[in-house]
Protein backbone atom coordinates (compact mmCIF):
# COMPACT_ATOMS: atom_id res chain seq x y z
CA MET A 1 -60.30 -72.85 2.75
CA ASN A 2 -62.26 -72.47 -0.45
CA ARG A 3 -60.14 -70.51 -2.96
CA ASP A 4 -62.96 -69.79 -5.43
CA LEU A 5 -65.26 -68.56 -2.69
CA ILE A 6 -62.53 -66.26 -1.37
CA LEU A 7 -62.02 -64.80 -4.86
CA GLN A 8 -65.75 -64.03 -5.05
CA GLU A 9 -65.72 -62.33 -1.63
CA LEU A 10 -62.71 -60.12 -2.40
CA LYS A 11 -63.30 -56.41 -2.88
CA PHE A 12 -60.97 -54.89 -5.44
CA ARG A 13 -60.03 -51.21 -5.52
CA ALA A 14 -57.58 -49.39 -7.80
CA VAL A 15 -55.93 -46.23 -6.50
CA ARG A 16 -53.15 -43.96 -7.62
CA SER A 17 -49.68 -45.01 -6.56
CA GLY A 18 -47.77 -42.62 -4.37
CA GLY A 19 -44.17 -41.54 -4.66
CA ALA A 20 -42.03 -40.21 -7.45
CA GLY A 21 -43.01 -40.76 -11.04
CA GLY A 22 -43.77 -39.01 -14.25
CA GLN A 23 -46.83 -38.33 -16.30
CA HIS A 24 -47.92 -41.96 -16.13
CA VAL A 25 -48.16 -42.07 -12.32
CA ASN A 26 -50.24 -38.90 -12.11
CA LYS A 27 -53.03 -40.06 -14.40
CA VAL A 28 -53.30 -43.85 -14.00
CA SER A 29 -54.57 -45.84 -11.01
CA THR A 30 -52.28 -48.85 -10.97
CA LYS A 31 -52.01 -49.55 -7.23
CA VAL A 32 -54.37 -52.32 -6.14
CA GLU A 33 -56.04 -52.82 -2.75
CA LEU A 34 -57.75 -56.13 -2.03
CA THR A 35 -60.04 -56.36 0.99
CA LEU A 36 -61.44 -59.55 2.52
CA ASP A 37 -64.17 -59.05 5.11
CA LEU A 38 -63.43 -61.92 7.50
CA PRO A 39 -66.43 -61.66 9.87
CA ILE A 40 -68.95 -62.18 7.04
CA SER A 41 -66.78 -64.54 4.97
CA LYS A 42 -68.29 -67.95 4.22
CA ALA A 43 -65.01 -69.35 2.90
CA PHE A 44 -63.75 -70.18 6.41
CA ASN A 45 -65.25 -72.06 9.32
CA ASP A 46 -65.13 -70.65 12.86
CA SER A 47 -61.90 -72.38 13.89
CA GLU A 48 -60.12 -71.16 10.74
CA LYS A 49 -61.34 -67.61 11.38
CA GLU A 50 -60.03 -67.73 14.95
CA ARG A 51 -56.66 -68.96 13.69
CA ILE A 52 -56.53 -66.13 11.13
CA TYR A 53 -57.51 -63.52 13.75
CA LYS A 54 -54.79 -64.80 16.06
CA ASN A 55 -51.99 -65.07 13.49
CA LEU A 56 -52.77 -62.02 11.36
CA LYS A 57 -53.98 -59.57 14.02
CA LYS A 58 -51.37 -56.98 12.98
CA ARG A 59 -52.53 -57.16 9.36
CA LEU A 60 -56.25 -56.70 10.12
CA THR A 61 -58.09 -53.38 10.16
CA SER A 62 -60.14 -52.25 13.16
CA ASP A 63 -63.27 -53.94 11.74
CA ASN A 64 -61.39 -57.24 11.08
CA LYS A 65 -60.90 -56.83 7.35
CA LEU A 66 -57.77 -58.24 5.77
CA LEU A 67 -56.18 -55.63 3.49
CA VAL A 68 -53.46 -56.37 0.92
CA GLN A 69 -51.90 -53.68 -1.26
CA CYS A 70 -49.64 -53.95 -4.29
CA ASP A 71 -48.00 -51.30 -6.45
CA ASP A 72 -45.01 -53.31 -7.70
CA SER A 73 -45.91 -53.25 -11.37
CA ARG A 74 -47.05 -50.51 -13.75
CA SER A 75 -49.92 -52.78 -14.80
CA GLN A 76 -53.11 -52.84 -12.75
CA HIS A 77 -53.87 -56.41 -13.84
CA ARG A 78 -50.41 -57.62 -12.83
CA ASN A 79 -50.71 -55.85 -9.47
CA ARG A 80 -54.03 -57.58 -8.86
CA GLU A 81 -52.49 -60.99 -9.56
CA ILE A 82 -49.58 -60.25 -7.22
CA ALA A 83 -51.96 -59.02 -4.49
CA GLU A 84 -54.10 -62.16 -4.80
CA ASP A 85 -51.00 -64.36 -4.52
CA ARG A 86 -49.87 -62.45 -1.42
CA LEU A 87 -53.31 -62.78 0.14
CA PHE A 88 -53.44 -66.55 -0.39
CA LYS A 89 -49.90 -67.00 0.95
CA LEU A 90 -50.82 -64.98 4.05
CA ILE A 91 -53.94 -67.05 4.63
CA GLU A 92 -52.13 -70.38 4.07
CA GLU A 93 -49.39 -69.40 6.53
CA ALA A 94 -51.98 -68.30 9.10
CA LEU A 95 -53.91 -71.56 8.81
CA LYS A 96 -50.86 -73.83 9.23
CA VAL A 97 -50.99 -75.84 12.44
CA PRO A 98 -47.53 -76.14 13.99
CA LYS A 99 -46.31 -79.64 14.76
CA LYS A 100 -46.24 -80.71 18.39
CA ARG A 101 -42.75 -81.21 19.76
CA LYS A 102 -42.03 -84.74 20.90
CA LYS A 103 -40.02 -84.92 24.09
CA THR A 104 -36.87 -86.98 23.67
CA SER A 105 -34.07 -87.97 26.01
CA PRO A 106 -30.39 -87.97 25.04
CA SER A 107 -28.96 -91.30 23.87
CA LYS A 108 -26.66 -93.29 26.11
CA ALA A 109 -23.72 -92.76 23.75
CA SER A 110 -24.20 -88.97 23.72
CA VAL A 111 -24.33 -88.84 27.53
CA GLU A 112 -21.10 -90.91 27.76
CA LYS A 113 -19.41 -88.69 25.17
CA ARG A 114 -20.38 -85.53 27.07
CA LEU A 115 -19.05 -86.93 30.37
CA LYS A 116 -15.83 -88.06 28.68
CA THR A 117 -15.15 -84.59 27.25
CA LYS A 118 -15.92 -83.04 30.66
CA LYS A 119 -13.28 -85.28 32.26
CA VAL A 120 -10.70 -84.40 29.60
CA ILE A 121 -11.29 -80.67 30.09
CA ALA A 122 -11.17 -81.06 33.90
CA LYS A 123 -7.80 -82.90 33.67
CA LYS A 124 -6.45 -80.17 31.38
CA LYS A 125 -7.42 -77.48 33.90
CA ILE A 126 -5.96 -79.42 36.85
CA SER A 127 -2.64 -79.78 35.01
CA ARG A 128 -2.43 -75.97 34.68
CA LYS A 129 -2.40 -75.45 38.46
CA LYS A 130 0.84 -74.70 40.27
CA PRO A 131 2.11 -77.63 42.32
CA GLU A 132 1.53 -77.40 46.05
CA ASN A 133 4.63 -77.20 48.30
CA GLU A 134 4.64 -79.69 51.15
């Protein structure tokens, strides 16, 4: 993953924020939308792209563009920084390769402990039974 190359490929768009607000919200475009066109991106190799497609399929548009929006701040510049951080965190999480699980067997001591507790519980239950009349 080449961070500088990704920054060059990003398309930045400022739009008006929705929701309640005053005069400021109605005249200033502070919401930021960052779009990364994955199919034509040169920042990732084919295996990385496949991993991103697989892990971020719910975040991708119909033409496989990754879209990140931010309207947290009243500043357009701050929203852009936040959106870039979110984008890089998303990509880093998507590219992480999970560790393979190593099969292990229980230790001898843990097996003995388990069997011992089973016997104790079994004895406790047997002692609760009514005695049989002979």
